[in-house]
PDB file of N, CA and C in Angstrom:
ATOM      1  N   UNK A   1      81.018  97.135 109.408  1.00  0.00           N
ATOM      2  CA  UNK A   1      82.193  96.314 109.232  1.00  0.00           C
ATOM      3  C   UNK A   1      82.657  95.810 110.593  1.00  0.00           C
ATOM      4  N   UNK A   2      83.285  94.687 110.580  1.00  0.00           N
ATOM      5  CA  UNK A   2      83.755  94.097 111.827  1.00  0.00           C
ATOM      6  C   UNK A   2      85.103  94.679 112.228  1.00  0.00           C
ATOM      7  N   UNK A   3      85.450  94.475 113.481  1.00  0.00           N
ATOM      8  CA  UNK A   3      86.765  94.914 113.952  1.00  0.00           C
ATOM      9  C   UNK A   3      87.878  94.245 113.180  1.00  0.00           C
ATOM     10  N   UNK A   4      87.710  92.967 112.826  1.00  0.00           N
ATOM     11  CA  UNK A   4      88.744  92.257 112.070  1.00  0.00           C
ATOM     12  C   UNK A   4      89.000  92.902 110.712  1.00  0.00           C
ATOM     13  N   UNK A   5      87.939  93.321 110.054  1.00  0.00           N
ATOM     14  CA  UNK A   5      88.100  93.972 108.748  1.00  0.00           C
ATOM     15  C   UNK A   5      88.780  95.318 108.916  1.00  0.00           C
ATOM     16  N   UNK A   6      88.354  96.085 109.913  1.00  0.00           N
ATOM     17  CA  UNK A   6      88.993  97.383 110.152  1.00  0.00           C
ATOM     18  C   UNK A   6      90.480  97.198 110.473  1.00  0.00           C
ATOM     19  N   UNK A   7      90.812  96.184 111.273  1.00  0.00           N
ATOM     20  CA  UNK A   7      92.216  95.910 111.603  1.00  0.00           C
ATOM     21  C   UNK A   7      93.014  95.539 110.352  1.00  0.00           C
ATOM     22  N   UNK A   8      92.426  94.725 109.483  1.00  0.00           N
ATOM     23  CA  UNK A   8      93.105  94.319 108.251  1.00  0.00           C
ATOM     24  C   UNK A   8      93.365  95.526 107.350  1.00  0.00           C
ATOM     25  N   UNK A   9      92.395  96.415 107.260  1.00  0.00           N
ATOM     26  CA  UNK A   9      92.565  97.623 106.453  1.00  0.00           C
ATOM     27  C   UNK A   9      93.670  98.500 107.048  1.00  0.00           C
ATOM     28  N   UNK A  10      93.659  98.678 108.351  1.00  0.00           N
ATOM     29  CA  UNK A  10      94.689  99.504 109.000  1.00  0.00           C
ATOM     30  C   UNK A  10      96.070  98.891 108.815  1.00  0.00           C
ATOM     31  N   UNK A  11      96.174  97.558 108.881  1.00  0.00           N
ATOM     32  CA  UNK A  11      97.461  96.895 108.663  1.00  0.00           C
ATOM     33  C   UNK A  11      97.944  97.143 107.237  1.00  0.00           C
ATOM     34  N   UNK A  12      97.028  97.039 106.286  1.00  0.00           N
ATOM     35  CA  UNK A  12      97.394  97.276 104.887  1.00  0.00           C
ATOM     36  C   UNK A  12      97.838  98.728 104.689  1.00  0.00           C
ATOM     37  N   UNK A  13      97.199  99.645 105.383  1.00  0.00           N
ATOM     38  CA  UNK A  13      97.614 101.047 105.302  1.00  0.00           C
ATOM     39  C   UNK A  13      99.044 101.204 105.809  1.00  0.00           C
ATOM     40  N   UNK A  14      99.368 100.541 106.907  1.00  0.00           N
ATOM     41  CA  UNK A  14     100.723 100.594 107.455  1.00  0.00           C
ATOM     42  C   UNK A  14     101.705  99.980 106.468  1.00  0.00           C
ATOM     43  N   UNK A  15     101.346  98.801 105.936  1.00  0.00           N
ATOM     44  CA  UNK A  15     102.227  98.111 104.989  1.00  0.00           C
ATOM     45  C   UNK A  15     102.488  98.952 103.747  1.00  0.00           C
ATOM     46  N   UNK A  16     101.478  99.672 103.293  1.00  0.00           N
ATOM     47  CA  UNK A  16     101.606 100.509 102.097  1.00  0.00           C
ATOM     48  C   UNK A  16     102.060 101.937 102.422  1.00  0.00           C
ATOM     49  N   UNK A  17     102.252 102.194 103.734  1.00  0.00           N
ATOM     50  CA  UNK A  17     102.680 103.519 104.195  1.00  0.00           C
ATOM     51  C   UNK A  17     101.730 104.615 103.718  1.00  0.00           C
ATOM     52  N   UNK A  18     100.436 104.371 103.931  1.00  0.00           N
ATOM     53  CA  UNK A  18      99.389 105.323 103.562  1.00  0.00           C
ATOM     54  C   UNK A  18      98.666 105.736 104.841  1.00  0.00           C
ATOM     55  N   UNK A  19      98.611 107.042 105.098  1.00  0.00           N
ATOM     56  CA  UNK A  19      97.869 107.502 106.273  1.00  0.00           C
ATOM     57  C   UNK A  19      96.434 107.864 105.867  1.00  0.00           C
ATOM     58  N   UNK A  20      95.626 108.234 106.846  1.00  0.00           N
ATOM     59  CA  UNK A  20      94.215 108.516 106.579  1.00  0.00           C
ATOM     60  C   UNK A  20      94.030 109.683 105.613  1.00  0.00           C
ATOM     61  N   UNK A  21      94.847 110.694 105.730  1.00  0.00           N
ATOM     62  CA  UNK A  21      94.744 111.855 104.835  1.00  0.00           C
ATOM     63  C   UNK A  21      95.048 111.447 103.402  1.00  0.00           C
ATOM     64  N   UNK A  22      96.104 110.655 103.218  1.00  0.00           N
ATOM     65  CA  UNK A  22      96.469 110.201 101.876  1.00  0.00           C
ATOM     66  C   UNK A  22      95.396 109.276 101.299  1.00  0.00           C
ATOM     67  N   UNK A  23      94.874 108.385 102.142  1.00  0.00           N
ATOM     68  CA  UNK A  23      93.821 107.482 101.689  1.00  0.00           C
ATOM     69  C   UNK A  23      92.584 108.270 101.281  1.00  0.00           C
ATOM     70  N   UNK A  24      92.237 109.262 102.066  1.00  0.00           N
ATOM     71  CA  UNK A  24      91.073 110.104 101.745  1.00  0.00           C
ATOM     72  C   UNK A  24      91.252 110.768 100.379  1.00  0.00           C
ATOM     73  N   UNK A  25      92.442 111.269 100.106  1.00  0.00           N
ATOM     74  CA  UNK A  25      92.704 111.888  98.803  1.00  0.00           C
ATOM     75  C   UNK A  25      92.598 110.857  97.684  1.00  0.00           C
ATOM     76  N   UNK A  26      93.109 109.645  97.914  1.00  0.00           N
ATOM     77  CA  UNK A  26      93.059 108.591  96.896  1.00  0.00           C
ATOM     78  C   UNK A  26      91.631 108.222  96.509  1.00  0.00           C
ATOM     79  N   UNK A  27      90.730 108.253  97.479  1.00  0.00           N
ATOM     80  CA  UNK A  27      89.359 107.809  97.215  1.00  0.00           C
ATOM     81  C   UNK A  27      88.367 108.964  97.066  1.00  0.00           C
ATOM     82  N   UNK A  28      88.848 110.183  97.164  1.00  0.00           N
ATOM     83  CA  UNK A  28      87.986 111.342  96.962  1.00  0.00           C
ATOM     84  C   UNK A  28      87.002 111.591  98.088  1.00  0.00           C
ATOM     85  N   UNK A  29      87.403 111.241  99.302  1.00  0.00           N
ATOM     86  CA  UNK A  29      86.575 111.471 100.492  1.00  0.00           C
ATOM     87  C   UNK A  29      87.339 112.363 101.456  1.00  0.00           C
ATOM     88  N   UNK A  30      86.656 112.852 102.468  1.00  0.00           N
ATOM     89  CA  UNK A  30      87.333 113.658 103.480  1.00  0.00           C
ATOM     90  C   UNK A  30      88.066 112.741 104.460  1.00  0.00           C
ATOM     91  N   UNK A  31      89.086 113.266 105.118  1.00  0.00           N
ATOM     92  CA  UNK A  31      89.806 112.493 106.122  1.00  0.00           C
ATOM     93  C   UNK A  31      88.847 112.082 107.231  1.00  0.00           C
ATOM     94  N   UNK A  32      87.898 112.946 107.556  1.00  0.00           N
ATOM     95  CA  UNK A  32      86.924 112.635 108.606  1.00  0.00           C
ATOM     96  C   UNK A  32      86.051 111.442 108.215  1.00  0.00           C
ATOM     97  N   UNK A  33      85.638 111.371 106.949  1.00  0.00           N
ATOM     98  CA  UNK A  33      84.847 110.218 106.502  1.00  0.00           C
ATOM     99  C   UNK A  33      85.648 108.927 106.635  1.00  0.00           C
ATOM    100  N   UNK A  34      86.913 108.962 106.238  1.00  0.00           N
ATOM    101  CA  UNK A  34      87.774 107.782 106.366  1.00  0.00           C
ATOM    102  C   UNK A  34      87.936 107.422 107.835  1.00  0.00           C
ATOM    103  N   UNK A  35      88.170 108.410 108.679  1.00  0.00           N
ATOM    104  CA  UNK A  35      88.320 108.167 110.111  1.00  0.00           C
ATOM    105  C   UNK A  35      87.053 107.556 110.699  1.00  0.00           C
ATOM    106  N   UNK A  36      85.901 108.071 110.320  1.00  0.00           N
ATOM    107  CA  UNK A  36      84.629 107.539 110.831  1.00  0.00           C
ATOM    108  C   UNK A  36      84.450 106.074 110.459  1.00  0.00           C
ATOM    109  N   UNK A  37      84.791 105.716 109.227  1.00  0.00           N
ATOM    110  CA  UNK A  37      84.656 104.337 108.770  1.00  0.00           C
ATOM    111  C   UNK A  37      85.648 103.430 109.505  1.00  0.00           C
ATOM    112  N   UNK A  38      86.901 103.860 109.598  1.00  0.00           N
ATOM    113  CA  UNK A  38      87.935 103.029 110.218  1.00  0.00           C
ATOM    114  C   UNK A  38      87.779 102.904 111.731  1.00  0.00           C
ATOM    115  N   UNK A  39      87.137 103.867 112.353  1.00  0.00           N
ATOM    116  CA  UNK A  39      86.949 103.807 113.800  1.00  0.00           C
ATOM    117  C   UNK A  39      85.659 103.078 114.183  1.00  0.00           C
ATOM    118  N   UNK A  40      84.800 102.825 113.204  1.00  0.00           N
ATOM    119  CA  UNK A  40      83.556 102.117 113.481  1.00  0.00           C
ATOM    120  C   UNK A  40      82.391 103.032 113.797  1.00  0.00           C
ATOM    121  N   UNK A  41      82.587 104.345 113.700  1.00  0.00           N
ATOM    122  CA  UNK A  41      81.478 105.267 113.960  1.00  0.00           C
ATOM    123  C   UNK A  41      80.390 105.134 112.900  1.00  0.00           C
ATOM    124  N   UNK A  42      80.785 104.755 111.710  1.00  0.00           N
ATOM    125  CA  UNK A  42      79.834 104.427 110.663  1.00  0.00           C
ATOM    126  C   UNK A  42      80.323 103.146 110.021  1.00  0.00           C
ATOM    127  N   UNK A  43      79.452 102.169 109.878  1.00  0.00           N
ATOM    128  CA  UNK A  43      79.920 100.868 109.453  1.00  0.00           C
ATOM    129  C   UNK A  43      79.305 100.328 108.183  1.00  0.00           C
ATOM    130  N   UNK A  44      78.369 101.084 107.589  1.00  0.00           N
ATOM    131  CA  UNK A  44      77.743 100.547 106.385  1.00  0.00           C
ATOM    132  C   UNK A  44      78.776 100.396 105.278  1.00  0.00           C
ATOM    133  N   UNK A  45      78.596  99.376 104.462  1.00  0.00           N
ATOM    134  CA  UNK A  45      79.572  99.072 103.417  1.00  0.00           C
ATOM    135  C   UNK A  45      79.705 100.236 102.461  1.00  0.00           C
ATOM    136  N   UNK A  46      78.672 100.570 101.763  1.00  0.00           N
ATOM    137  CA  UNK A  46      78.637 101.739 100.907  1.00  0.00           C
ATOM    138  C   UNK A  46      79.858 101.950 100.031  1.00  0.00           C
ATOM    139  N   UNK A  47      79.860 103.051  99.360  1.00  0.00           N
ATOM    140  CA  UNK A  47      80.950 103.382  98.448  1.00  0.00           C
ATOM    141  C   UNK A  47      82.270 103.606  99.154  1.00  0.00           C
ATOM    142  N   UNK A  48      82.255 104.138 100.369  1.00  0.00           N
ATOM    143  CA  UNK A  48      83.512 104.445 101.055  1.00  0.00           C
ATOM    144  C   UNK A  48      84.327 103.183 101.285  1.00  0.00           C
ATOM    145  N   UNK A  49      83.705 102.115 101.808  1.00  0.00           N
ATOM    146  CA  UNK A  49      84.446 100.864 102.023  1.00  0.00           C
ATOM    147  C   UNK A  49      84.940 100.299 100.713  1.00  0.00           C
ATOM    148  N   UNK A  50      84.102 100.296  99.698  1.00  0.00           N
ATOM    149  CA  UNK A  50      84.518  99.783  98.392  1.00  0.00           C
ATOM    150  C   UNK A  50      85.707 100.567  97.857  1.00  0.00           C
ATOM    151  N   UNK A  51      85.671 101.883  97.996  1.00  0.00           N
ATOM    152  CA  UNK A  51      86.772 102.734  97.536  1.00  0.00           C
ATOM    153  C   UNK A  51      88.048 102.450  98.320  1.00  0.00           C
ATOM    154  N   UNK A  52      87.933 102.248  99.627  1.00  0.00           N
ATOM    155  CA  UNK A  52      89.095 101.946 100.464  1.00  0.00           C
ATOM    156  C   UNK A  52      89.707 100.621 100.038  1.00  0.00           C
ATOM    157  N   UNK A  53      88.882  99.588  99.874  1.00  0.00           N
ATOM    158  CA  UNK A  53      89.401  98.290  99.441  1.00  0.00           C
ATOM    159  C   UNK A  53      90.137  98.418  98.111  1.00  0.00           C
ATOM    160  N   UNK A  54      89.548  99.114  97.172  1.00  0.00           N
ATOM    161  CA  UNK A  54      90.156  99.291  95.853  1.00  0.00           C
ATOM    162  C   UNK A  54      91.489 100.028  95.952  1.00  0.00           C
ATOM    163  N   UNK A  55      91.525 101.109  96.702  1.00  0.00           N
ATOM    164  CA  UNK A  55      92.742 101.916  96.824  1.00  0.00           C
ATOM    165  C   UNK A  55      93.884 101.143  97.475  1.00  0.00           C
ATOM    166  N   UNK A  56      93.541 100.223  98.380  1.00  0.00           N
ATOM    167  CA  UNK A  56      94.566  99.471  99.102  1.00  0.00           C
ATOM    168  C   UNK A  56      94.817  98.082  98.499  1.00  0.00           C
ATOM    169  N   UNK A  57      94.144  97.767  97.406  1.00  0.00           N
ATOM    170  CA  UNK A  57      94.342  96.474  96.772  1.00  0.00           C
ATOM    171  C   UNK A  57      93.786  95.314  97.589  1.00  0.00           C
ATOM    172  N   UNK A  58      92.661  95.547  98.238  1.00  0.00           N
ATOM    173  CA  UNK A  58      92.021  94.518  99.062  1.00  0.00           C
ATOM    174  C   UNK A  58      90.687  94.114  98.448  1.00  0.00           C
ATOM    175  N   UNK A  59      90.226  92.911  98.806  1.00  0.00           N
ATOM    176  CA  UNK A  59      88.886  92.504  98.432  1.00  0.00           C
ATOM    177  C   UNK A  59      88.216  91.865  99.630  1.00  0.00           C
ATOM    178  N   UNK A  60      86.924  92.029  99.711  1.00  0.00           N
ATOM    179  CA  UNK A  60      86.138  91.449 100.788  1.00  0.00           C
ATOM    180  C   UNK A  60      85.597  90.115 100.298  1.00  0.00           C
ATOM    181  N   UNK A  61      85.898  89.058 101.048  1.00  0.00           N
ATOM    182  CA  UNK A  61      85.463  87.716 100.679  1.00  0.00           C
ATOM    183  C   UNK A  61      84.613  87.162 101.813  1.00  0.00           C
ATOM    184  N   UNK A  62      83.452  86.642 101.459  1.00  0.00           N
ATOM    185  CA  UNK A  62      82.578  86.020 102.449  1.00  0.00           C
ATOM    186  C   UNK A  62      82.569  84.534 102.150  1.00  0.00           C
ATOM    187  N   UNK A  63      82.805  83.734 103.185  1.00  0.00           N
ATOM    188  CA  UNK A  63      82.804  82.289 103.009  1.00  0.00           C
ATOM    189  C   UNK A  63      82.159  81.647 104.233  1.00  0.00           C
ATOM    190  N   UNK A  64      81.672  80.436 104.073  1.00  0.00           N
ATOM    191  CA  UNK A  64      81.069  79.747 105.217  1.00  0.00           C
ATOM    192  C   UNK A  64      82.095  79.527 106.320  1.00  0.00           C
ATOM    193  N   UNK A  65      81.632  79.589 107.550  1.00  0.00           N
ATOM    194  CA  UNK A  65      82.505  79.321 108.686  1.00  0.00           C
ATOM    195  C   UNK A  65      82.881  77.850 108.698  1.00  0.00           C
ATOM    196  N   UNK A  66      84.084  77.593 109.186  1.00  0.00           N
ATOM    197  CA  UNK A  66      84.487  76.204 109.383  1.00  0.00           C
ATOM    198  C   UNK A  66      83.822  75.700 110.652  1.00  0.00           C
ATOM    199  N   UNK A  67      83.275  74.534 110.566  1.00  0.00           N
ATOM    200  CA  UNK A  67      82.585  73.955 111.724  1.00  0.00           C
ATOM    201  C   UNK A  67      83.507  73.043 112.459  1.00  0.00           C
ATOM    202  N   UNK A  68      83.434  73.095 113.792  1.00  0.00           N
ATOM    203  CA  UNK A  68      84.272  72.232 114.626  1.00  0.00           C
ATOM    204  C   UNK A  68      83.658  70.881 114.822  1.00  0.00           C
TER     205      UNK A  68
END
C-alpha cells in the first residue's frame, strides 16, 4: 500500500476515534498485525487491508491518472 493510502486510513481512524487495538478487535487481527500494515512493514493487500477498509467504511478505488 502507498503512503497516501496509509495516511487516509489513519485519518479515518482519528475521525472515527478508533485506535489500533480497537481496530484489531473489529477485524479479528492482532494489534501487531494492524501496526505492521499501517506502518508499511507489510504492504500486501490481502485480507487485513480489506478488513480494515470494511471496518472503517472505506473503499479502494483505482482510476487512471490525470494527464497534464
